[in-house]
Amino acid sequence: MNRVAGKVVLVTGAARGQGRSHVVQLADEGADVIAFDLCENIDSNEYPLATEADLEDTRKLVEKSGQRVVTAKVDVRDRAALKTALDSAVAELGRLDVVVANAGIAPLGPEVPVEGFVDAFDVDFVGVINTIHVAIPHLQEGASIIATGSVAGLVPQTGLNGQQALQGPGGDGYGLAKKMIWTYTNSLALTLGPKSIRVNAVHPTNCNTDMLQSPPMYRTFRPDLPNPTAEDAKVTFPFMQAMPTPWVEPSDVSHAVVFLASDESRFVTGQQLRVDAGAGLKLGV
């Protein structure tokens, strides 16, 4: 308990999934939270995204922990709106110590239009840099920046275990965005190192969220079936990992995020931390 006591943390994509899990664990460890989410669907993305009701549930979970929380419906693609919302939240909570740039989508499938490339790249990479860049003026010595990448996004687009990985324009945009997070965070870590602000990325494997548990992801893992179910996909999900599991849980990733947010990691920067049950080793990335 209290591993991040007294800190104020910004988390994007906070309404559900990994983002909500990060928010809850950070609050349970003593942080006050700024929680942002789009709370709308994106046309090229087949599965539904989080809602305002989901974000309100996140708020209630933080309040239950006894910590302060500010929520806002914000699109990470809109830097001006992000800046306005963040400046207001920091004025209310008094400081900003940790940034978790987590918002992401995966509009997979050959039927996805070219707009899927734009949407995936804009949310998954431009949204990350927008979040971090509007936050930097608020950060002081000892601050921590954490970006969410993906082990799946680091593999070549030519295929995965004999399957067509990250299919379609949205898959191309997703893969490019996640690959660029690696080089971006390394470069930023060097830039901010003299200010004692650390920058790291976390790369999960399959994570048990709405993104994974969705028809386009099921089709990605079971291209041999026209309409695969969750049970069909669960047969092949374990092929990604060296360890015998179909996925990690959001809380598994949150443990890494809490470590990187805490002073326990005060000299950890420029790292690409894979929470992947050995998937990176198996895939050669």
C-alpha atoms as a PDB file:
ATOM      1  CA  MET A   1       0.000   0.000   0.000  1.00  0.00           C
ATOM      2  CA  ASN A   2       0.955   3.656  -0.499  1.00  0.00           C
ATOM      3  CA  ARG A   3       3.589   2.933  -3.165  1.00  0.00           C
ATOM      4  CA  VAL A   4       2.496   6.071  -5.044  1.00  0.00           C
ATOM      5  CA  ALA A   5       1.060   8.040  -2.123  1.00  0.00           C
ATOM      6  CA  GLY A   6       0.893  11.773  -2.750  1.00  0.00           C
ATOM      7  CA  LYS A   7       1.286  11.455  -6.521  1.00  0.00           C
ATOM      8  CA  VAL A   8      -1.184  12.618  -9.167  1.00  0.00           C
ATOM      9  CA  VAL A   9      -1.490  10.320 -12.155  1.00  0.00           C
ATOM     10  CA  LEU A  10      -3.009  10.867 -15.610  1.00  0.00           C
ATOM     11  CA  VAL A  11      -4.382   7.767 -17.362  1.00  0.00           C
ATOM     12  CA  THR A  12      -5.935   7.828 -20.834  1.00  0.00           C
ATOM     13  CA  GLY A  13      -8.312   5.137 -22.019  1.00  0.00           C
ATOM     14  CA  ALA A  14      -9.373   4.988 -18.387  1.00  0.00           C
ATOM     15  CA  ALA A  15     -13.021   3.995 -18.716  1.00  0.00           C
ATOM     16  CA  ARG A  16     -12.443   0.248 -18.940  1.00  0.00           C
ATOM     17  CA  GLY A  17      -9.900  -2.475 -19.711  1.00  0.00           C
ATOM     18  CA  GLN A  18      -6.246  -1.898 -18.926  1.00  0.00           C
ATOM     19  CA  GLY A  19      -6.839   1.801 -18.294  1.00  0.00           C
ATOM     20  CA  ARG A  20      -9.417   1.217 -15.580  1.00  0.00           C
ATOM     21  CA  SER A  21      -7.236  -1.455 -14.011  1.00  0.00           C
ATOM     22  CA  HIS A  22      -4.285   0.954 -13.909  1.00  0.00           C
ATOM     23  CA  VAL A  23      -6.452   3.667 -12.374  1.00  0.00           C
ATOM     24  CA  VAL A  24      -7.792   1.381  -9.655  1.00  0.00           C
ATOM     25  CA  GLN A  25      -4.412  -0.086  -8.679  1.00  0.00           C
ATOM     26  CA  LEU A  26      -2.763   3.335  -8.649  1.00  0.00           C
ATOM     27  CA  ALA A  27      -5.561   4.746  -6.493  1.00  0.00           C
ATOM     28  CA  ASP A  28      -5.353   1.759  -4.161  1.00  0.00           C
ATOM     29  CA  GLU A  29      -1.636   2.558  -3.805  1.00  0.00           C
ATOM     30  CA  GLY A  30      -2.381   6.152  -2.778  1.00  0.00           C
ATOM     31  CA  ALA A  31      -2.459   8.187  -6.000  1.00  0.00           C
ATOM     32  CA  ASP A  32      -4.995  10.795  -6.997  1.00  0.00           C
ATOM     33  CA  VAL A  33      -6.149  10.237 -10.559  1.00  0.00           C
ATOM     34  CA  ILE A  34      -6.964  12.165 -13.715  1.00  0.00           C
ATOM     35  CA  ALA A  35      -8.952   9.760 -15.904  1.00  0.00           C
ATOM     36  CA  PHE A  36      -9.614  10.584 -19.571  1.00  0.00           C
ATOM     37  CA  ASP A  37     -11.501   8.591 -22.194  1.00  0.00           C
ATOM     38  CA  LEU A  38     -13.113   9.204 -25.590  1.00  0.00           C
ATOM     39  CA  CYS A  39     -16.378   7.552 -24.495  1.00  0.00           C
ATOM     40  CA  GLU A  40     -17.508   7.269 -28.121  1.00  0.00           C
ATOM     41  CA  ASN A  41     -17.231   4.735 -30.910  1.00  0.00           C
ATOM     42  CA  ILE A  42     -14.898   5.175 -33.901  1.00  0.00           C
ATOM     43  CA  ASP A  43     -16.497   4.158 -37.199  1.00  0.00           C
ATOM     44  CA  SER A  44     -13.622   2.049 -38.536  1.00  0.00           C
ATOM     45  CA  ASN A  45     -13.348   0.116 -35.272  1.00  0.00           C
ATOM     46  CA  GLU A  46     -15.832  -2.764 -35.312  1.00  0.00           C
ATOM     47  CA  TYR A  47     -16.139  -3.491 -31.611  1.00  0.00           C
ATOM     48  CA  PRO A  48     -17.833  -0.889 -29.345  1.00  0.00           C
ATOM     49  CA  LEU A  49     -15.622   1.380 -27.288  1.00  0.00           C
ATOM     50  CA  ALA A  50     -16.153   2.571 -23.722  1.00  0.00           C
ATOM     51  CA  THR A  51     -19.055   4.793 -22.712  1.00  0.00           C
ATOM     52  CA  GLU A  52     -19.549   7.717 -20.370  1.00  0.00           C
ATOM     53  CA  ALA A  53     -21.214   5.262 -17.972  1.00  0.00           C
ATOM     54  CA  ASP A  54     -18.011   3.202 -17.984  1.00  0.00           C
ATOM     55  CA  LEU A  55     -15.972   6.297 -17.131  1.00  0.00           C
ATOM     56  CA  GLU A  56     -18.378   7.117 -14.324  1.00  0.00           C
ATOM     57  CA  ASP A  57     -17.873   3.599 -12.949  1.00  0.00           C
ATOM     58  CA  THR A  58     -14.120   4.221 -12.987  1.00  0.00           C
ATOM     59  CA  ARG A  59     -14.693   7.427 -11.040  1.00  0.00           C
ATOM     60  CA  LYS A  60     -16.684   5.557  -8.406  1.00  0.00           C
ATOM     61  CA  LEU A  61     -13.960   2.947  -8.003  1.00  0.00           C
ATOM     62  CA  VAL A  62     -11.374   5.649  -7.311  1.00  0.00           C
ATOM     63  CA  GLU A  63     -13.658   7.416  -4.856  1.00  0.00           C
ATOM     64  CA  LYS A  64     -14.224   4.082  -3.108  1.00  0.00           C
ATOM     65  CA  SER A  65     -10.477   3.915  -2.498  1.00  0.00           C
ATOM     66  CA  GLY A  66     -10.635   7.328  -0.803  1.00  0.00           C
ATOM     67  CA  GLN A  67      -8.581   9.146  -3.448  1.00  0.00           C
ATOM     68  CA  ARG A  68      -9.415  12.268  -5.419  1.00  0.00           C
ATOM     69  CA  VAL A  69     -10.348  11.875  -9.082  1.00  0.00           C
ATOM     70  CA  VAL A  70     -11.041  14.138 -12.047  1.00  0.00           C
ATOM     71  CA  THR A  71     -12.603  12.600 -15.144  1.00  0.00           C
ATOM     72  CA  ALA A  72     -13.151  14.074 -18.587  1.00  0.00           C
ATOM     73  CA  LYS A  73     -14.470  12.928 -21.948  1.00  0.00           C
ATOM     74  CA  VAL A  74     -11.492  13.714 -24.187  1.00  0.00           C
ATOM     75  CA  ASP A  75     -10.241  12.514 -27.573  1.00  0.00           C
ATOM     76  CA  VAL A  76      -6.481  11.902 -27.436  1.00  0.00           C
ATOM     77  CA  ARG A  77      -6.292  12.825 -31.122  1.00  0.00           C
ATOM     78  CA  ASP A  78      -7.268  16.398 -30.228  1.00  0.00           C
ATOM     79  CA  ARG A  79      -4.196  17.973 -28.630  1.00  0.00           C
ATOM     80  CA  ALA A  80      -5.884  21.296 -27.904  1.00  0.00           C
ATOM     81  CA  ALA A  81      -8.766  19.601 -26.080  1.00  0.00           C
ATOM     82  CA  LEU A  82      -6.314  17.398 -24.191  1.00  0.00           C
ATOM     83  CA  LYS A  83      -4.341  20.430 -23.056  1.00  0.00           C
ATOM     84  CA  THR A  84      -7.450  22.265 -21.884  1.00  0.00           C
ATOM     85  CA  ALA A  85      -8.729  19.258 -19.942  1.00  0.00           C
ATOM     86  CA  LEU A  86      -5.350  18.443 -18.414  1.00  0.00           C
ATOM     87  CA  ASP A  87      -4.547  22.027 -17.431  1.00  0.00           C
ATOM     88  CA  SER A  88      -7.918  22.214 -15.670  1.00  0.00           C
ATOM     89  CA  ALA A  89      -7.416  18.885 -13.879  1.00  0.00           C
ATOM     90  CA  VAL A  90      -3.897  19.786 -12.736  1.00  0.00           C
ATOM     91  CA  ALA A  91      -5.165  23.128 -11.439  1.00  0.00           C
ATOM     92  CA  GLU A  92      -7.754  21.229  -9.390  1.00  0.00           C
ATOM     93  CA  LEU A  93      -5.440  18.514  -8.035  1.00  0.00           C
ATOM     94  CA  GLY A  94      -2.366  20.700  -7.703  1.00  0.00           C
ATOM     95  CA  ARG A  95       0.305  18.751  -9.590  1.00  0.00           C
ATOM     96  CA  LEU A  96       1.082  15.971 -12.078  1.00  0.00           C
ATOM     97  CA  ASP A  97       3.638  13.254 -11.374  1.00  0.00           C
ATOM     98  CA  VAL A  98       2.853  10.317 -13.647  1.00  0.00           C
ATOM     99  CA  VAL A  99       1.496   9.964 -17.187  1.00  0.00           C
ATOM    100  CA  VAL A 100       0.092   6.655 -18.446  1.00  0.00           C
ATOM    101  CA  ALA A 101      -0.598   7.057 -22.174  1.00  0.00           C
ATOM    102  CA  ASN A 102      -2.796   4.005 -22.563  1.00  0.00           C
ATOM    103  CA  ALA A 103      -5.691   4.798 -24.929  1.00  0.00           C
ATOM    104  CA  GLY A 104      -5.758   2.470 -27.932  1.00  0.00           C
ATOM    105  CA  ILE A 105      -7.879   0.760 -30.578  1.00  0.00           C
ATOM    106  CA  ALA A 106      -7.372  -2.217 -32.921  1.00  0.00           C
ATOM    107  CA  PRO A 107      -9.596  -2.007 -36.034  1.00  0.00           C
ATOM    108  CA  LEU A 108      -8.513  -5.335 -37.519  1.00  0.00           C
ATOM    109  CA  GLY A 109      -9.693  -7.103 -40.653  1.00  0.00           C
ATOM    110  CA  PRO A 110      -9.294  -6.976 -44.441  1.00  0.00           C
ATOM    111  CA  GLU A 111     -12.721  -5.379 -44.755  1.00  0.00           C
ATOM    112  CA  VAL A 112     -11.654  -2.301 -42.738  1.00  0.00           C
ATOM    113  CA  PRO A 113     -11.367   0.782 -44.992  1.00  0.00           C
ATOM    114  CA  VAL A 114      -8.240   2.887 -45.350  1.00  0.00           C
ATOM    115  CA  GLU A 115      -9.639   5.154 -42.625  1.00  0.00           C
ATOM    116  CA  GLY A 116      -8.821   2.315 -40.247  1.00  0.00           C
ATOM    117  CA  PHE A 117      -5.113   2.952 -40.799  1.00  0.00           C
ATOM    118  CA  VAL A 118      -5.586   6.639 -39.994  1.00  0.00           C
ATOM    119  CA  ASP A 119      -7.721   5.967 -36.930  1.00  0.00           C
ATOM    120  CA  ALA A 120      -5.449   3.272 -35.494  1.00  0.00           C
ATOM    121  CA  PHE A 121      -2.284   5.287 -36.016  1.00  0.00           C
ATOM    122  CA  ASP A 122      -3.838   8.522 -34.758  1.00  0.00           C
ATOM    123  CA  VAL A 123      -5.169   6.963 -31.555  1.00  0.00           C
ATOM    124  CA  ASP A 124      -2.319   4.524 -30.875  1.00  0.00           C
ATOM    125  CA  PHE A 125       0.649   6.772 -31.670  1.00  0.00           C
ATOM    126  CA  VAL A 126      -0.424  10.375 -32.245  1.00  0.00           C
ATOM    127  CA  GLY A 127      -2.667  10.061 -29.183  1.00  0.00           C
ATOM    128  CA  VAL A 128       0.277   8.850 -27.128  1.00  0.00           C
ATOM    129  CA  ILE A 129       2.514  11.738 -28.118  1.00  0.00           C
ATOM    130  CA  ASN A 130      -0.314  14.255 -27.723  1.00  0.00           C
ATOM    131  CA  THR A 131      -0.914  13.009 -24.176  1.00  0.00           C
ATOM    132  CA  ILE A 132       2.734  13.063 -23.227  1.00  0.00           C
ATOM    133  CA  HIS A 133       3.550  16.376 -24.875  1.00  0.00           C
ATOM    134  CA  VAL A 134       0.736  18.305 -23.186  1.00  0.00           C
ATOM    135  CA  ALA A 135       1.793  16.734 -19.877  1.00  0.00           C
ATOM    136  CA  ILE A 136       5.519  17.527 -20.048  1.00  0.00           C
ATOM    137  CA  PRO A 137       5.178  21.191 -18.945  1.00  0.00           C
ATOM    138  CA  HIS A 138       3.546  19.976 -15.712  1.00  0.00           C
ATOM    139  CA  LEU A 139       6.200  17.378 -14.846  1.00  0.00           C
ATOM    140  CA  GLN A 140       9.027  17.900 -12.387  1.00  0.00           C
ATOM    141  CA  GLU A 141      12.092  15.930 -11.302  1.00  0.00           C
ATOM    142  CA  GLY A 142      11.128  12.383 -10.353  1.00  0.00           C
ATOM    143  CA  ALA A 143       8.144  12.207 -12.701  1.00  0.00           C
ATOM    144  CA  SER A 144       7.370   9.081 -14.706  1.00  0.00           C
ATOM    145  CA  ILE A 145       5.978   8.657 -18.229  1.00  0.00           C
ATOM    146  CA  ILE A 146       4.602   5.263 -19.255  1.00  0.00           C
ATOM    147  CA  ALA A 147       3.330   4.391 -22.745  1.00  0.00           C
ATOM    148  CA  THR A 148       1.320   1.298 -23.631  1.00  0.00           C
ATOM    149  CA  GLY A 149       2.731  -0.637 -26.555  1.00  0.00           C
ATOM    150  CA  SER A 150       2.016  -4.206 -27.641  1.00  0.00           C
ATOM    151  CA  VAL A 151       4.034  -7.352 -28.256  1.00  0.00           C
ATOM    152  CA  ALA A 152       1.664  -8.170 -31.127  1.00  0.00           C
ATOM    153  CA  GLY A 153       2.440  -4.788 -32.643  1.00  0.00           C
ATOM    154  CA  LEU A 154       6.163  -5.556 -32.728  1.00  0.00           C
ATOM    155  CA  VAL A 155       5.983  -8.624 -34.986  1.00  0.00           C
ATOM    156  CA  PRO A 156       6.459  -8.371 -38.775  1.00  0.00           C
ATOM    157  CA  GLN A 157       3.242  -7.817 -40.704  1.00  0.00           C
ATOM    158  CA  THR A 158       3.917 -10.946 -42.784  1.00  0.00           C
ATOM    159  CA  GLY A 159       2.259 -13.297 -40.337  1.00  0.00           C
ATOM    160  CA  LEU A 160       2.097 -14.757 -36.853  1.00  0.00           C
ATOM    161  CA  ASN A 161       2.403 -18.474 -36.168  1.00  0.00           C
ATOM    162  CA  GLY A 162       1.298 -19.217 -39.709  1.00  0.00           C
ATOM    163  CA  GLN A 163      -1.669 -16.839 -39.471  1.00  0.00           C
ATOM    164  CA  GLN A 164      -2.142 -13.428 -41.021  1.00  0.00           C
ATOM    165  CA  ALA A 165      -1.478 -11.133 -38.084  1.00  0.00           C
ATOM    166  CA  LEU A 166      -2.895  -7.608 -37.784  1.00  0.00           C
ATOM    167  CA  GLN A 167      -4.956  -7.838 -40.944  1.00  0.00           C
ATOM    168  CA  GLY A 168      -6.050  -4.910 -43.067  1.00  0.00           C
ATOM    169  CA  PRO A 169      -5.324  -1.181 -43.032  1.00  0.00           C
ATOM    170  CA  GLY A 170      -6.213  -0.895 -39.346  1.00  0.00           C
ATOM    171  CA  GLY A 171      -3.779  -3.679 -38.522  1.00  0.00           C
ATOM    172  CA  ASP A 172      -1.066  -1.881 -40.481  1.00  0.00           C
ATOM    173  CA  GLY A 173      -1.756   1.351 -38.595  1.00  0.00           C
ATOM    174  CA  TYR A 174      -1.795  -0.465 -35.251  1.00  0.00           C
ATOM    175  CA  GLY A 175       1.468  -2.264 -35.945  1.00  0.00           C
ATOM    176  CA  LEU A 176       3.228   0.888 -37.115  1.00  0.00           C
ATOM    177  CA  ALA A 177       2.030   2.842 -34.081  1.00  0.00           C
ATOM    178  CA  LYS A 178       3.220   0.230 -31.603  1.00  0.00           C
ATOM    179  CA  LYS A 179       6.601  -0.119 -33.317  1.00  0.00           C
ATOM    180  CA  MET A 180       7.112   3.648 -33.163  1.00  0.00           C
ATOM    181  CA  ILE A 181       6.317   3.740 -29.433  1.00  0.00           C
ATOM    182  CA  TRP A 182       9.521   1.744 -28.900  1.00  0.00           C
ATOM    183  CA  THR A 183      11.799   4.280 -30.601  1.00  0.00           C
ATOM    184  CA  TYR A 184       9.847   7.309 -29.381  1.00  0.00           C
ATOM    185  CA  THR A 185      10.067   6.361 -25.708  1.00  0.00           C
ATOM    186  CA  ASN A 186      13.770   5.546 -25.977  1.00  0.00           C
ATOM    187  CA  SER A 187      14.493   8.937 -27.568  1.00  0.00           C
ATOM    188  CA  LEU A 188      12.352  10.818 -25.070  1.00  0.00           C
ATOM    189  CA  ALA A 189      14.044   9.019 -22.185  1.00  0.00           C
ATOM    190  CA  LEU A 190      17.389  10.392 -23.354  1.00  0.00           C
ATOM    191  CA  THR A 191      15.925  13.879 -23.765  1.00  0.00           C
ATOM    192  CA  LEU A 192      14.297  13.976 -20.323  1.00  0.00           C
ATOM    193  CA  GLY A 193      17.027  12.069 -18.488  1.00  0.00           C
ATOM    194  CA  PRO A 194      18.903  15.236 -17.446  1.00  0.00           C
ATOM    195  CA  LYS A 195      15.686  16.427 -15.798  1.00  0.00           C
ATOM    196  CA  SER A 196      15.391  13.125 -13.901  1.00  0.00           C
ATOM    197  CA  ILE A 197      12.090  12.378 -15.645  1.00  0.00           C
ATOM    198  CA  ARG A 198      11.956   8.751 -16.686  1.00  0.00           C
ATOM    199  CA  VAL A 199      10.199   7.341 -19.752  1.00  0.00           C
ATOM    200  CA  ASN A 200       9.308   3.685 -20.283  1.00  0.00           C
ATOM    201  CA  ALA A 201       6.930   1.553 -22.322  1.00  0.00           C
ATOM    202  CA  VAL A 202       4.953  -1.532 -21.330  1.00  0.00           C
ATOM    203  CA  HIS A 203       4.239  -4.110 -24.034  1.00  0.00           C
ATOM    204  CA  PRO A 204       1.523  -6.633 -23.111  1.00  0.00           C
ATOM    205  CA  THR A 205       0.732  -9.793 -25.010  1.00  0.00           C
ATOM    206  CA  ASN A 206      -2.924 -10.823 -25.436  1.00  0.00           C
ATOM    207  CA  CYS A 207      -4.710  -9.045 -22.596  1.00  0.00           C
ATOM    208  CA  ASN A 208      -8.164 -10.029 -21.419  1.00  0.00           C
ATOM    209  CA  THR A 209     -10.027  -6.847 -22.370  1.00  0.00           C
ATOM    210  CA  ASP A 210     -12.841  -5.872 -24.729  1.00  0.00           C
ATOM    211  CA  MET A 211     -10.239  -5.351 -27.475  1.00  0.00           C
ATOM    212  CA  LEU A 212      -9.165  -8.997 -27.284  1.00  0.00           C
ATOM    213  CA  GLN A 213     -12.646 -10.363 -26.657  1.00  0.00           C
ATOM    214  CA  SER A 214     -14.065  -9.054 -29.936  1.00  0.00           C
ATOM    215  CA  PRO A 215     -15.097 -10.511 -33.321  1.00  0.00           C
ATOM    216  CA  PRO A 216     -12.208  -8.961 -35.310  1.00  0.00           C
ATOM    217  CA  MET A 217      -9.674 -10.402 -32.874  1.00  0.00           C
ATOM    218  CA  TYR A 218     -11.371 -13.802 -32.945  1.00  0.00           C
ATOM    219  CA  ARG A 219     -11.155 -13.781 -36.755  1.00  0.00           C
ATOM    220  CA  THR A 220      -7.472 -12.795 -36.563  1.00  0.00           C
ATOM    221  CA  PHE A 221      -6.695 -15.843 -34.447  1.00  0.00           C
ATOM    222  CA  ARG A 222      -9.076 -18.188 -36.304  1.00  0.00           C
ATOM    223  CA  PRO A 223      -8.904 -17.211 -39.988  1.00  0.00           C
ATOM    224  CA  ASP A 224      -9.951 -20.762 -40.852  1.00  0.00           C
ATOM    225  CA  LEU A 225     -13.490 -20.059 -39.594  1.00  0.00           C
ATOM    226  CA  PRO A 226     -15.994 -17.584 -41.081  1.00  0.00           C
ATOM    227  CA  ASN A 227     -17.504 -16.525 -37.736  1.00  0.00           C
ATOM    228  CA  PRO A 228     -15.328 -17.772 -34.885  1.00  0.00           C
ATOM    229  CA  THR A 229     -16.550 -17.542 -31.314  1.00  0.00           C
ATOM    230  CA  ALA A 230     -14.651 -16.725 -28.161  1.00  0.00           C
ATOM    231  CA  GLU A 231     -14.265 -20.436 -27.490  1.00  0.00           C
ATOM    232  CA  ASP A 232     -12.894 -20.998 -31.002  1.00  0.00           C
ATOM    233  CA  ALA A 233     -10.296 -18.272 -30.533  1.00  0.00           C
ATOM    234  CA  LYS A 234      -9.343 -19.435 -27.064  1.00  0.00           C
ATOM    235  CA  VAL A 235      -7.914 -22.584 -28.651  1.00  0.00           C
ATOM    236  CA  THR A 236      -5.289 -20.530 -30.537  1.00  0.00           C
ATOM    237  CA  PHE A 237      -4.750 -17.606 -28.153  1.00  0.00           C
ATOM    238  CA  PRO A 238      -2.109 -19.595 -26.175  1.00  0.00           C
ATOM    239  CA  PHE A 239       0.048 -19.999 -29.303  1.00  0.00           C
ATOM    240  CA  MET A 240       1.291 -16.437 -28.798  1.00  0.00           C
ATOM    241  CA  GLN A 241       2.886 -17.134 -25.418  1.00  0.00           C
ATOM    242  CA  ALA A 242       5.775 -19.336 -24.299  1.00  0.00           C
ATOM    243  CA  MET A 243       3.902 -19.940 -21.056  1.00  0.00           C
ATOM    244  CA  PRO A 244       0.648 -21.944 -21.264  1.00  0.00           C
ATOM    245  CA  THR A 245      -1.901 -19.138 -21.004  1.00  0.00           C
ATOM    246  CA  PRO A 246      -4.279 -17.599 -23.558  1.00  0.00           C
ATOM    247  CA  TRP A 247      -3.774 -14.109 -22.160  1.00  0.00           C
ATOM    248  CA  VAL A 248      -2.625 -11.981 -19.265  1.00  0.00           C
ATOM    249  CA  GLU A 249      -5.122 -10.051 -17.164  1.00  0.00           C
ATOM    250  CA  PRO A 250      -5.236  -6.229 -17.050  1.00  0.00           C
ATOM    251  CA  SER A 251      -4.096  -6.417 -13.436  1.00  0.00           C
ATOM    252  CA  ASP A 252      -0.894  -8.158 -14.546  1.00  0.00           C
ATOM    253  CA  VAL A 253      -0.034  -5.126 -16.667  1.00  0.00           C
ATOM    254  CA  SER A 254      -1.107  -2.771 -13.879  1.00  0.00           C
ATOM    255  CA  HIS A 255       1.464  -4.285 -11.518  1.00  0.00           C
ATOM    256  CA  ALA A 256       4.173  -3.193 -13.967  1.00  0.00           C
ATOM    257  CA  VAL A 257       2.593   0.249 -14.331  1.00  0.00           C
ATOM    258  CA  VAL A 258       2.489   0.774 -10.565  1.00  0.00           C
ATOM    259  CA  PHE A 259       6.173  -0.172 -10.322  1.00  0.00           C
ATOM    260  CA  LEU A 260       7.109   2.268 -13.082  1.00  0.00           C
ATOM    261  CA  ALA A 261       4.960   4.984 -11.498  1.00  0.00           C
ATOM    262  CA  SER A 262       6.501   4.513  -8.064  1.00  0.00           C
ATOM    263  CA  ASP A 263       9.834   5.717  -6.720  1.00  0.00           C
ATOM    264  CA  GLU A 264      10.911   2.061  -6.705  1.00  0.00           C
ATOM    265  CA  SER A 265      11.765   2.613 -10.383  1.00  0.00           C
ATOM    266  CA  ARG A 266      13.500   5.972  -9.881  1.00  0.00           C
ATOM    267  CA  PHE A 267      16.499   4.892 -11.970  1.00  0.00           C
ATOM    268  CA  VAL A 268      14.564   2.808 -14.522  1.00  0.00           C
ATOM    269  CA  THR A 269      14.222   4.648 -17.831  1.00  0.00           C
ATOM    270  CA  GLY A 270      14.298   3.875 -21.538  1.00  0.00           C
ATOM    271  CA  GLN A 271      13.003   0.356 -20.903  1.00  0.00           C
ATOM    272  CA  GLN A 272      10.638  -1.707 -23.033  1.00  0.00           C
ATOM    273  CA  LEU A 273       8.986  -3.906 -20.414  1.00  0.00           C
ATOM    274  CA  ARG A 274       7.156  -6.880 -21.891  1.00  0.00           C
ATOM    275  CA  VAL A 275       4.348  -8.313 -19.778  1.00  0.00           C
ATOM    276  CA  ASP A 276       3.909 -11.148 -22.202  1.00  0.00           C
ATOM    277  CA  ALA A 277       4.271 -14.632 -20.683  1.00  0.00           C
ATOM    278  CA  GLY A 278       7.275 -15.111 -22.951  1.00  0.00           C
ATOM    279  CA  ALA A 279       5.516 -14.121 -26.192  1.00  0.00           C
ATOM    280  CA  GLY A 280       8.331 -11.819 -27.256  1.00  0.00           C
ATOM    281  CA  LEU A 281      10.869 -14.613 -26.842  1.00  0.00           C
ATOM    282  CA  LYS A 282       8.698 -16.998 -28.815  1.00  0.00           C
ATOM    283  CA  LEU A 283       8.109 -14.469 -31.592  1.00  0.00           C
ATOM    284  CA  GLY A 284      11.710 -13.313 -31.752  1.00  0.00           C
ATOM    285  CA  VAL A 285      11.095  -9.644 -30.961  1.00  0.00           C
END
